Amino acid sequence: MTEGLESGDEADVDAEIRLLVETIHRKYRHDFRGYSLASMRRRVKRAAAELGCGTLSQVRHRVLCDRRAFSTVLQSLTVPFSEMFRDPAYFLSIRERVAPRLAALPAIKIWIPGCSTGEELYSMAILLAEEGLLERTVLYATDVNPEALRAAERGVYALDRVQAFSASYHRAGGRRSLSDYYAAAYGGMMFDRSLRARAVFADHSLATDGVFAEVHLVSCRNVLIYFDRALKDRAVGLFRDSLAPQGFLGIGMRETLHFCESAGAFDDFVPEHRIYRRC
């Protein structure tokens, strides 16, 4: 069987991917078996290049023998990259449509699954601060990638990202200068500690873990797109079970609740920006 990533038959490559993710699950308890093969093909190719491997069999052997190799693969499989105020219209809708309803609550809990390196967390924290809600909010920022979680907790980003972050912040209804929220540090921009003082960072897998809190908003964006049908159903079921009655769910602009088993548990709220309300 030809296993080369460039020349191998797609069915053979997919079989090797299944063996790789099964190996990862058995040895490290990280479960990627429900990720779509289309996205996994790109990711494992990137991981193989990082490790200098020409075949997935070589990648699998390295993962079995070397935890550092697994860490490299994990970085590729979890795509630890995002943007602040990504899809500004979504955050504008959160500010104008959702925040006023959250304001009626004495205490607010928000869950950001797949928080990656924290850009969405800080976007949400800034929005809540400007709406006078941050001090009574707990933000749960979860991910399966420990390196991404550590980066999120540090809150340090490259200075060359400032311009794009600032433009999106203002399109999302930002009321100040984004520079009011960060200082130059460690050769980059470091967001103010007050923005993460209300955050809880934790390892949580949508593939294997369960409900851990009742929340009022789940903002899980550009995560479901990488899941197969069964895992997407599981994740949306977790969101349903985590949300308080009349709580809100936000997903990515290329994602949908259509065809999910739990779709009937949600009403459209701002459907053009993929914001739904728990029935």
Protein backbone atom coordinates (compact mmCIF):
# COMPACT_ATOMS: atom_id res chain seq x y z
CA MET A 1 0.00 0.00 0.00
CA THR A 2 1.34 3.40 -0.95
CA GLU A 3 1.36 5.60 2.18
CA GLY A 4 3.09 8.72 0.87
CA LEU A 5 1.00 11.75 1.59
CA GLU A 6 1.44 13.25 -1.85
CA SER A 7 1.10 10.13 -4.00
CA GLY A 8 -1.04 7.82 -1.87
CA ASP A 9 -4.58 6.84 -2.77
CA GLU A 10 -7.08 8.92 -0.80
CA ALA A 11 -8.75 5.84 0.67
CA ASP A 12 -5.38 4.53 1.84
CA VAL A 13 -4.47 7.89 3.37
CA ASP A 14 -7.84 8.00 5.17
CA ALA A 15 -7.22 4.51 6.54
CA GLU A 16 -3.83 5.66 7.85
CA ILE A 17 -5.44 8.75 9.41
CA ARG A 18 -7.91 6.51 11.25
CA LEU A 19 -5.03 4.41 12.56
CA LEU A 20 -3.19 7.56 13.67
CA VAL A 21 -6.14 9.06 15.56
CA GLU A 22 -6.91 5.68 17.14
CA THR A 23 -3.30 5.51 18.31
CA ILE A 24 -3.57 9.02 19.77
CA HIS A 25 -6.80 8.11 21.53
CA ARG A 26 -5.43 4.89 23.03
CA LYS A 27 -2.11 6.35 24.20
CA TYR A 28 -2.97 9.96 25.10
CA ARG A 29 -6.79 9.90 25.52
CA HIS A 30 -7.29 12.74 23.06
CA ASP A 31 -10.18 11.85 20.78
CA PHE A 32 -10.06 13.09 17.18
CA ARG A 33 -12.02 10.15 15.77
CA GLY A 34 -15.05 12.36 15.09
CA TYR A 35 -13.18 15.02 13.13
CA SER A 36 -13.99 15.20 9.44
CA LEU A 37 -11.48 13.41 7.23
CA ALA A 38 -11.41 16.32 4.78
CA SER A 39 -9.93 18.65 7.39
CA MET A 40 -7.73 15.93 8.90
CA ARG A 41 -5.98 15.30 5.58
CA ARG A 42 -4.67 18.86 5.54
CA ARG A 43 -3.71 18.81 9.20
CA VAL A 44 -1.81 15.53 9.22
CA LYS A 45 0.10 16.64 6.13
CA ARG A 46 1.20 19.72 8.08
CA ALA A 47 2.14 17.58 11.08
CA ALA A 48 4.15 15.18 8.92
CA ALA A 49 6.09 18.08 7.42
CA GLU A 50 6.81 19.47 10.90
CA LEU A 51 8.16 16.09 11.99
CA GLY A 52 10.08 15.45 8.77
CA CYS A 53 8.04 12.31 8.04
CA GLY A 54 7.15 11.13 4.55
CA THR A 55 4.38 8.73 5.57
CA LEU A 56 1.67 8.55 8.19
CA SER A 57 3.12 5.26 9.41
CA GLN A 58 6.25 7.20 10.34
CA VAL A 59 4.14 9.83 12.10
CA ARG A 60 2.30 7.13 14.02
CA HIS A 61 5.56 5.51 15.10
CA ARG A 62 6.95 8.86 16.27
CA VAL A 63 3.76 9.58 18.24
CA LEU A 64 3.96 6.18 19.95
CA CYS A 65 7.58 6.66 20.99
CA ASP A 66 7.91 10.39 21.66
CA ARG A 67 5.50 12.64 23.54
CA ARG A 68 7.14 15.68 21.96
CA ALA A 69 6.12 14.33 18.56
CA PHE A 70 2.58 13.99 19.85
CA SER A 71 2.66 17.62 20.99
CA THR A 72 3.67 18.63 17.46
CA VAL A 73 0.79 16.61 15.99
CA LEU A 74 -1.62 18.07 18.53
CA GLN A 75 -0.70 21.61 17.47
CA SER A 76 -1.55 20.73 13.86
CA LEU A 77 -4.77 18.89 14.66
CA THR A 78 -6.24 21.64 16.84
CA VAL A 79 -5.42 24.63 14.59
CA PRO A 80 -4.45 27.00 17.44
CA PHE A 81 -5.08 30.29 15.64
CA SER A 82 -7.88 32.84 15.63
CA GLU A 83 -8.50 36.57 15.33
CA MET A 84 -9.88 39.20 17.66
CA PHE A 85 -13.46 40.20 16.85
CA ARG A 86 -13.50 37.73 13.98
CA ASP A 87 -16.64 38.42 11.91
CA PRO A 88 -17.26 41.82 13.56
CA ALA A 89 -20.99 41.73 12.77
CA TYR A 90 -21.32 38.75 15.10
CA PHE A 91 -19.82 40.67 18.01
CA LEU A 92 -21.90 43.73 17.14
CA SER A 93 -25.01 41.55 17.43
CA ILE A 94 -23.78 40.17 20.77
CA ARG A 95 -23.29 43.76 21.95
CA GLU A 96 -26.60 45.13 20.69
CA ARG A 97 -28.95 42.14 20.94
CA VAL A 98 -27.58 39.69 23.51
CA ALA A 99 -25.80 41.88 26.08
CA PRO A 100 -28.97 43.83 27.02
CA ARG A 101 -30.66 40.53 27.91
CA LEU A 102 -27.65 39.30 29.86
CA ALA A 103 -27.70 42.60 31.75
CA ALA A 104 -30.95 41.52 33.44
CA LEU A 105 -29.13 38.67 35.19
CA PRO A 106 -27.52 39.10 38.62
CA ALA A 107 -24.61 36.86 37.56
CA ILE A 108 -23.56 35.79 34.06
CA LYS A 109 -21.71 32.69 32.91
CA ILE A 110 -20.28 32.40 29.40
CA TRP A 111 -18.57 29.37 27.86
CA ILE A 112 -16.08 29.67 24.99
CA PRO A 113 -15.32 26.08 23.85
CA GLY A 114 -12.32 25.67 21.57
CA CYS A 115 -10.93 28.99 22.82
CA SER A 116 -7.58 28.29 21.12
CA THR A 117 -5.03 31.01 21.96
CA GLY A 118 -7.62 33.33 23.47
CA GLU A 119 -8.46 35.93 20.85
CA GLU A 120 -12.21 35.33 21.19
CA LEU A 121 -11.98 35.36 24.97
CA TYR A 122 -10.37 38.81 25.02
CA SER A 123 -12.82 40.07 22.41
CA MET A 124 -15.73 38.96 24.58
CA ALA A 125 -14.14 40.35 27.75
CA ILE A 126 -13.61 43.78 26.17
CA LEU A 127 -17.19 43.81 24.89
CA LEU A 128 -18.52 42.90 28.34
CA ALA A 129 -16.34 45.53 30.02
CA GLU A 130 -17.71 48.22 27.72
CA GLU A 131 -21.26 47.09 28.47
CA GLY A 132 -20.62 47.17 32.23
CA LEU A 133 -21.06 43.40 32.59
CA LEU A 134 -17.56 41.99 33.03
CA GLU A 135 -17.43 42.30 36.82
CA ARG A 136 -20.40 39.98 37.23
CA THR A 137 -19.42 37.51 34.53
CA VAL A 138 -17.46 34.27 34.70
CA LEU A 139 -15.90 33.28 31.37
CA TYR A 140 -15.08 29.60 30.90
CA ALA A 141 -12.35 29.29 28.25
CA THR A 142 -11.76 25.65 27.30
CA ASP A 143 -9.68 23.76 24.78
CA VAL A 144 -8.01 20.36 24.33
CA ASN A 145 -4.63 21.92 23.49
CA PRO A 146 -2.63 22.74 26.65
CA GLU A 147 -0.16 24.97 24.79
CA ALA A 148 -3.01 27.00 23.33
CA LEU A 149 -4.58 27.36 26.78
CA ARG A 150 -1.30 28.61 28.23
CA ALA A 151 -1.03 31.15 25.41
CA ALA A 152 -4.61 32.26 26.07
CA GLU A 153 -3.88 32.75 29.75
CA ARG A 154 -0.78 34.82 28.96
CA GLY A 155 -2.72 37.09 26.62
CA VAL A 156 0.33 38.12 24.59
CA TYR A 157 0.11 38.56 20.81
CA ALA A 158 2.43 39.76 18.08
CA LEU A 159 2.49 43.50 17.52
CA ASP A 160 2.02 43.07 13.79
CA ARG A 161 -1.56 41.89 14.49
CA VAL A 162 -2.60 45.16 16.16
CA GLN A 163 -3.85 46.88 13.04
CA ALA A 164 -6.18 44.04 12.05
CA PHE A 165 -7.38 43.57 15.64
CA SER A 166 -8.13 47.29 15.97
CA ALA A 167 -10.04 47.49 12.68
CA SER A 168 -12.25 44.55 13.63
CA TYR A 169 -12.78 45.96 17.14
CA HIS A 170 -14.18 49.21 15.74
CA ARG A 171 -16.38 47.39 13.20
CA ALA A 172 -17.73 45.37 16.13
CA GLY A 173 -18.91 48.55 17.85
CA GLY A 174 -15.84 49.24 19.98
CA ARG A 175 -16.16 52.52 21.88
CA ARG A 176 -12.56 53.28 22.73
CA SER A 177 -9.12 52.61 21.33
CA LEU A 178 -8.06 48.99 21.49
CA SER A 179 -4.72 50.24 22.86
CA ASP A 180 -6.55 51.12 26.08
CA TYR A 181 -6.70 47.40 26.81
CA TYR A 182 -3.11 46.31 26.24
CA ALA A 183 0.48 47.32 26.89
CA ALA A 184 3.70 46.52 25.09
CA ALA A 185 5.37 43.59 26.83
CA TYR A 186 7.50 40.54 25.97
CA GLY A 187 8.09 41.93 22.49
CA GLY A 188 4.35 41.97 21.76
CA MET A 189 1.02 43.30 22.98
CA MET A 190 -0.15 42.03 26.38
CA PHE A 191 -3.81 42.41 27.31
CA ASP A 192 -4.68 43.84 30.69
CA ARG A 193 -4.95 41.36 33.55
CA SER A 194 -8.41 42.67 34.41
CA LEU A 195 -9.73 41.11 31.20
CA ARG A 196 -8.73 37.61 32.28
CA ALA A 197 -9.40 38.06 36.00
CA ARG A 198 -12.92 36.71 35.41
CA ALA A 199 -11.76 33.85 33.18
CA VAL A 200 -11.40 30.17 34.08
CA PHE A 201 -9.07 28.27 31.74
CA ALA A 202 -9.60 24.52 31.58
CA ASP A 203 -9.01 21.42 29.49
CA HIS A 204 -12.32 20.23 28.03
CA SER A 205 -13.03 18.02 25.03
CA LEU A 206 -16.30 18.27 23.14
CA ALA A 207 -15.64 14.68 22.02
CA THR A 208 -15.34 13.05 25.45
CA ASP A 209 -16.25 15.42 28.30
CA GLY A 210 -19.64 16.40 29.66
CA VAL A 211 -21.54 19.40 31.02
CA PHE A 212 -19.66 21.19 33.80
CA ALA A 213 -21.79 24.31 34.43
CA GLU A 214 -25.05 26.03 33.55
CA VAL A 215 -24.23 29.02 31.34
CA HIS A 216 -26.12 31.85 29.67
CA LEU A 217 -24.10 32.14 26.46
CA VAL A 218 -22.03 29.59 24.54
CA SER A 219 -19.82 31.13 21.88
CA CYS A 220 -18.32 28.25 19.90
CA ARG A 221 -17.22 29.59 16.56
CA ASN A 222 -15.41 27.82 13.72
CA VAL A 223 -15.10 24.58 15.69
CA LEU A 224 -18.12 22.55 14.54
CA ILE A 225 -17.00 22.91 10.93
CA TYR A 226 -14.19 20.42 11.62
CA PHE A 227 -16.48 17.73 13.10
CA ASP A 228 -18.29 14.88 11.42
CA ARG A 229 -22.06 14.54 11.84
CA ALA A 230 -21.95 12.41 15.00
CA LEU A 231 -19.48 14.63 16.83
CA LYS A 232 -21.34 17.77 15.79
CA ASP A 233 -24.53 16.24 17.25
CA ARG A 234 -22.69 15.48 20.47
CA ALA A 235 -21.26 19.00 20.76
CA VAL A 236 -24.57 20.77 20.08
CA GLY A 237 -26.20 18.42 22.60
CA LEU A 238 -23.66 19.57 25.19
CA PHE A 239 -24.44 23.19 24.40
CA ARG A 240 -28.17 22.50 24.76
CA ASP A 241 -27.68 20.81 28.12
CA SER A 242 -25.31 23.53 29.35
CA LEU A 243 -27.51 26.50 28.48
CA ALA A 244 -30.02 27.94 30.92
CA PRO A 245 -33.54 28.40 29.51
CA GLN A 246 -33.49 31.30 27.05
CA GLY A 247 -29.69 31.16 26.94
CA PHE A 248 -27.82 31.97 23.74
CA LEU A 249 -25.63 29.98 21.34
CA GLY A 250 -23.31 31.58 18.80
CA ILE A 251 -21.54 29.57 16.08
CA GLY A 252 -19.36 30.37 13.07
CA MET A 253 -20.62 32.02 9.92
CA ARG A 254 -19.96 28.87 7.86
CA GLU A 255 -21.64 26.62 10.40
CA THR A 256 -25.27 25.65 10.87
CA LEU A 257 -27.54 23.87 13.33
CA HIS A 258 -29.55 22.41 10.45
CA PHE A 259 -29.69 18.62 10.52
CA CYS A 260 -28.33 18.45 14.10
CA GLU A 261 -30.31 16.22 16.44
CA SER A 262 -30.68 19.07 18.94
CA ALA A 263 -31.65 21.75 16.41
CA GLY A 264 -35.23 21.76 17.72
CA ALA A 265 -33.99 22.95 21.11
CA PHE A 266 -33.06 26.32 19.62
CA ASP A 267 -34.94 29.23 18.09
CA ASP A 268 -33.44 31.68 15.63
CA PHE A 269 -32.40 34.88 17.39
CA VAL A 270 -30.06 36.62 14.96
CA PRO A 271 -29.84 33.88 12.33
CA GLU A 272 -27.90 35.97 9.82
CA HIS A 273 -25.06 36.10 12.35
CA ARG A 274 -25.60 32.51 13.61
CA ILE A 275 -26.96 33.41 17.04
CA TYR A 276 -29.65 31.13 18.46
CA ARG A 277 -31.70 31.02 21.65
CA ARG A 278 -32.36 27.97 23.82
CA CYS A 279 -36.08 27.18 23.90
